[in-house]
Amino acid sequence: MKYTEEQLDAMSSKVASVFGERINYLSRGQEGSLEHALVEVFERHNGQAENIPDEEIWGAWIVMEAF
């Protein structure tokens, strides 16, 4: 699915606000795993970052930690 630049920016801002500085200390493998989990969340919400609760963003973090 294709998303607009505005949608992607909104998701990036949402992720940054939830994770804060933690996002800067991930390994390459963790980044890939987190990105994969976040893309699934984003797609479930049809690219509407404002509809994604912080808990679901944290859920992607938990998925990343599991792998």
N, C-alpha and C. Protein backbone atom coordinates (compact mmCIF):
# COMPACT_ATOMS: atom_id res chain seq x y z
N MET A 1 0.84 -1.17 0.00
CA MET A 1 0.00 0.00 0.00
C MET A 1 0.90 1.24 0.00
N LYS A 2 0.47 2.24 -0.71
CA LYS A 2 1.21 3.50 -0.78
C LYS A 2 0.64 4.49 0.23
N TYR A 3 1.53 5.21 0.87
CA TYR A 3 1.12 6.23 1.84
C TYR A 3 1.70 7.57 1.44
N THR A 4 1.01 8.63 1.83
CA THR A 4 1.49 9.97 1.52
C THR A 4 2.65 10.33 2.45
N GLU A 5 3.38 11.33 2.03
CA GLU A 5 4.48 11.81 2.86
C GLU A 5 3.96 12.31 4.21
N GLU A 6 2.79 12.92 4.21
CA GLU A 6 2.18 13.42 5.45
C GLU A 6 1.84 12.27 6.40
N GLN A 7 1.33 11.17 5.85
CA GLN A 7 1.01 10.01 6.68
C GLN A 7 2.28 9.42 7.29
N LEU A 8 3.31 9.32 6.49
CA LEU A 8 4.58 8.76 6.98
C LEU A 8 5.21 9.67 8.04
N ASP A 9 5.14 10.97 7.80
CA ASP A 9 5.66 11.92 8.79
C ASP A 9 4.89 11.83 10.10
N ALA A 10 3.57 11.67 10.01
CA ALA A 10 2.75 11.55 11.21
C ALA A 10 3.11 10.29 11.99
N MET A 11 3.36 9.20 11.27
CA MET A 11 3.74 7.96 11.95
C MET A 11 5.11 8.11 12.59
N SER A 12 6.04 8.72 11.89
CA SER A 12 7.39 8.93 12.45
C SER A 12 7.32 9.78 13.71
N SER A 13 6.52 10.82 13.68
CA SER A 13 6.38 11.68 14.85
C SER A 13 5.74 10.93 16.02
N LYS A 14 4.75 10.10 15.71
CA LYS A 14 4.08 9.31 16.74
C LYS A 14 5.08 8.35 17.39
N VAL A 15 5.83 7.65 16.59
CA VAL A 15 6.82 6.69 17.10
C VAL A 15 7.86 7.42 17.95
N ALA A 16 8.35 8.54 17.47
CA ALA A 16 9.36 9.31 18.22
C ALA A 16 8.80 9.79 19.55
N SER A 17 7.54 10.21 19.57
CA SER A 17 6.96 10.69 20.83
C SER A 17 6.76 9.57 21.83
N VAL A 18 6.50 8.37 21.35
CA VAL A 18 6.28 7.23 22.25
C VAL A 18 7.61 6.70 22.77
N PHE A 19 8.58 6.52 21.90
CA PHE A 19 9.84 5.88 22.30
C PHE A 19 10.90 6.85 22.80
N GLY A 20 10.83 8.09 22.39
CA GLY A 20 11.83 9.07 22.82
C GLY A 20 13.23 8.65 22.40
N GLU A 21 14.17 8.86 23.29
CA GLU A 21 15.59 8.58 23.01
C GLU A 21 15.91 7.10 22.84
N ARG A 22 15.05 6.22 23.33
CA ARG A 22 15.29 4.77 23.21
C ARG A 22 15.53 4.36 21.77
N ILE A 23 14.87 5.05 20.87
CA ILE A 23 14.94 4.69 19.45
C ILE A 23 16.36 4.84 18.90
N ASN A 24 17.18 5.65 19.54
CA ASN A 24 18.54 5.91 19.05
C ASN A 24 19.55 4.85 19.44
N TYR A 25 19.14 3.88 20.25
CA TYR A 25 20.11 2.91 20.78
C TYR A 25 19.82 1.48 20.35
N LEU A 26 19.21 1.32 19.19
CA LEU A 26 18.88 0.00 18.69
C LEU A 26 19.96 -0.52 17.76
N SER A 27 20.15 -1.83 17.77
CA SER A 27 21.05 -2.44 16.80
C SER A 27 20.35 -2.47 15.44
N ARG A 28 21.09 -2.79 14.42
CA ARG A 28 20.52 -2.86 13.07
C ARG A 28 19.40 -3.92 13.02
N GLY A 29 19.62 -5.05 13.66
CA GLY A 29 18.61 -6.10 13.69
C GLY A 29 17.36 -5.67 14.43
N GLN A 30 17.54 -4.97 15.54
CA GLN A 30 16.40 -4.46 16.29
C GLN A 30 15.62 -3.44 15.48
N GLU A 31 16.34 -2.57 14.77
CA GLU A 31 15.68 -1.57 13.92
C GLU A 31 14.81 -2.25 12.88
N GLY A 32 15.35 -3.28 12.24
CA GLY A 32 14.59 -4.00 11.21
C GLY A 32 13.36 -4.68 11.78
N SER A 33 13.52 -5.31 12.92
CA SER A 33 12.40 -5.99 13.57
C SER A 33 11.33 -5.01 14.00
N LEU A 34 11.74 -3.88 14.58
CA LEU A 34 10.79 -2.86 15.01
C LEU A 34 10.08 -2.26 13.81
N GLU A 35 10.82 -1.97 12.76
CA GLU A 35 10.20 -1.41 11.56
C GLU A 35 9.14 -2.35 11.00
N HIS A 36 9.45 -3.63 10.95
CA HIS A 36 8.50 -4.61 10.44
C HIS A 36 7.22 -4.61 11.29
N ALA A 37 7.38 -4.62 12.62
CA ALA A 37 6.23 -4.62 13.51
C ALA A 37 5.42 -3.33 13.38
N LEU A 38 6.11 -2.20 13.24
CA LEU A 38 5.41 -0.92 13.11
C LEU A 38 4.66 -0.79 11.78
N VAL A 39 5.23 -1.34 10.71
CA VAL A 39 4.55 -1.32 9.42
C VAL A 39 3.23 -2.09 9.52
N GLU A 40 3.25 -3.23 10.21
CA GLU A 40 2.02 -3.99 10.39
C GLU A 40 0.97 -3.18 11.14
N VAL A 41 1.40 -2.48 12.19
CA VAL A 41 0.48 -1.63 12.95
C VAL A 41 -0.08 -0.53 12.04
N PHE A 42 0.79 0.13 11.30
CA PHE A 42 0.41 1.23 10.41
C PHE A 42 -0.61 0.75 9.37
N GLU A 43 -0.35 -0.42 8.81
CA GLU A 43 -1.25 -0.96 7.79
C GLU A 43 -2.61 -1.33 8.39
N ARG A 44 -2.63 -1.88 9.60
CA ARG A 44 -3.91 -2.21 10.24
C ARG A 44 -4.78 -0.98 10.45
N HIS A 45 -4.14 0.18 10.58
CA HIS A 45 -4.85 1.43 10.80
C HIS A 45 -4.96 2.25 9.51
N ASN A 46 -4.72 1.60 8.37
CA ASN A 46 -4.85 2.25 7.05
C ASN A 46 -4.07 3.55 6.94
N GLY A 47 -2.89 3.59 7.56
CA GLY A 47 -2.03 4.77 7.44
C GLY A 47 -2.46 5.95 8.27
N GLN A 48 -3.38 5.76 9.19
CA GLN A 48 -3.90 6.85 10.02
C GLN A 48 -3.22 6.81 11.40
N ALA A 49 -2.06 7.42 11.50
CA ALA A 49 -1.26 7.38 12.73
C ALA A 49 -2.03 7.93 13.93
N GLU A 50 -2.89 8.91 13.70
CA GLU A 50 -3.62 9.52 14.81
C GLU A 50 -4.58 8.53 15.48
N ASN A 51 -4.91 7.44 14.79
CA ASN A 51 -5.80 6.42 15.36
C ASN A 51 -5.06 5.31 16.08
N ILE A 52 -3.75 5.36 16.10
CA ILE A 52 -2.96 4.30 16.72
C ILE A 52 -2.67 4.68 18.17
N PRO A 53 -3.15 3.87 19.12
CA PRO A 53 -2.87 4.18 20.52
C PRO A 53 -1.40 3.91 20.86
N ASP A 54 -0.89 4.64 21.83
CA ASP A 54 0.50 4.46 22.25
C ASP A 54 0.77 3.01 22.65
N GLU A 55 -0.21 2.36 23.24
CA GLU A 55 -0.03 0.97 23.68
C GLU A 55 0.25 0.04 22.51
N GLU A 56 -0.32 0.35 21.37
CA GLU A 56 -0.06 -0.48 20.19
C GLU A 56 1.35 -0.24 19.65
N ILE A 57 1.83 0.99 19.76
CA ILE A 57 3.21 1.29 19.39
C ILE A 57 4.16 0.53 20.32
N TRP A 58 3.86 0.55 21.63
CA TRP A 58 4.67 -0.21 22.59
C TRP A 58 4.61 -1.70 22.30
N GLY A 59 3.48 -2.17 21.81
CA GLY A 59 3.37 -3.58 21.43
C GLY A 59 4.37 -3.95 20.35
N ALA A 60 4.60 -3.04 19.42
CA ALA A 60 5.61 -3.28 18.38
C ALA A 60 7.00 -3.38 19.00
N TRP A 61 7.25 -2.58 20.04
CA TRP A 61 8.53 -2.65 20.75
C TRP A 61 8.70 -4.03 21.41
N ILE A 62 7.63 -4.53 22.01
CA ILE A 62 7.68 -5.84 22.67
C ILE A 62 7.94 -6.93 21.64
N VAL A 63 7.32 -6.83 20.47
CA VAL A 63 7.58 -7.79 19.39
C VAL A 63 9.06 -7.74 19.01
N MET A 64 9.60 -6.52 18.88
CA MET A 64 11.01 -6.36 18.52
C MET A 64 11.90 -7.03 19.55
N GLU A 65 11.59 -6.84 20.82
CA GLU A 65 12.41 -7.42 21.87
C GLU A 65 12.36 -8.94 21.87
N ALA A 66 11.25 -9.50 21.43
CA ALA A 66 11.09 -10.96 21.41
C ALA A 66 11.97 -11.62 20.35
N PHE A 67 12.36 -10.85 19.34
CA PHE A 67 13.18 -11.42 18.28
C PHE A 67 14.53 -10.84 18.35
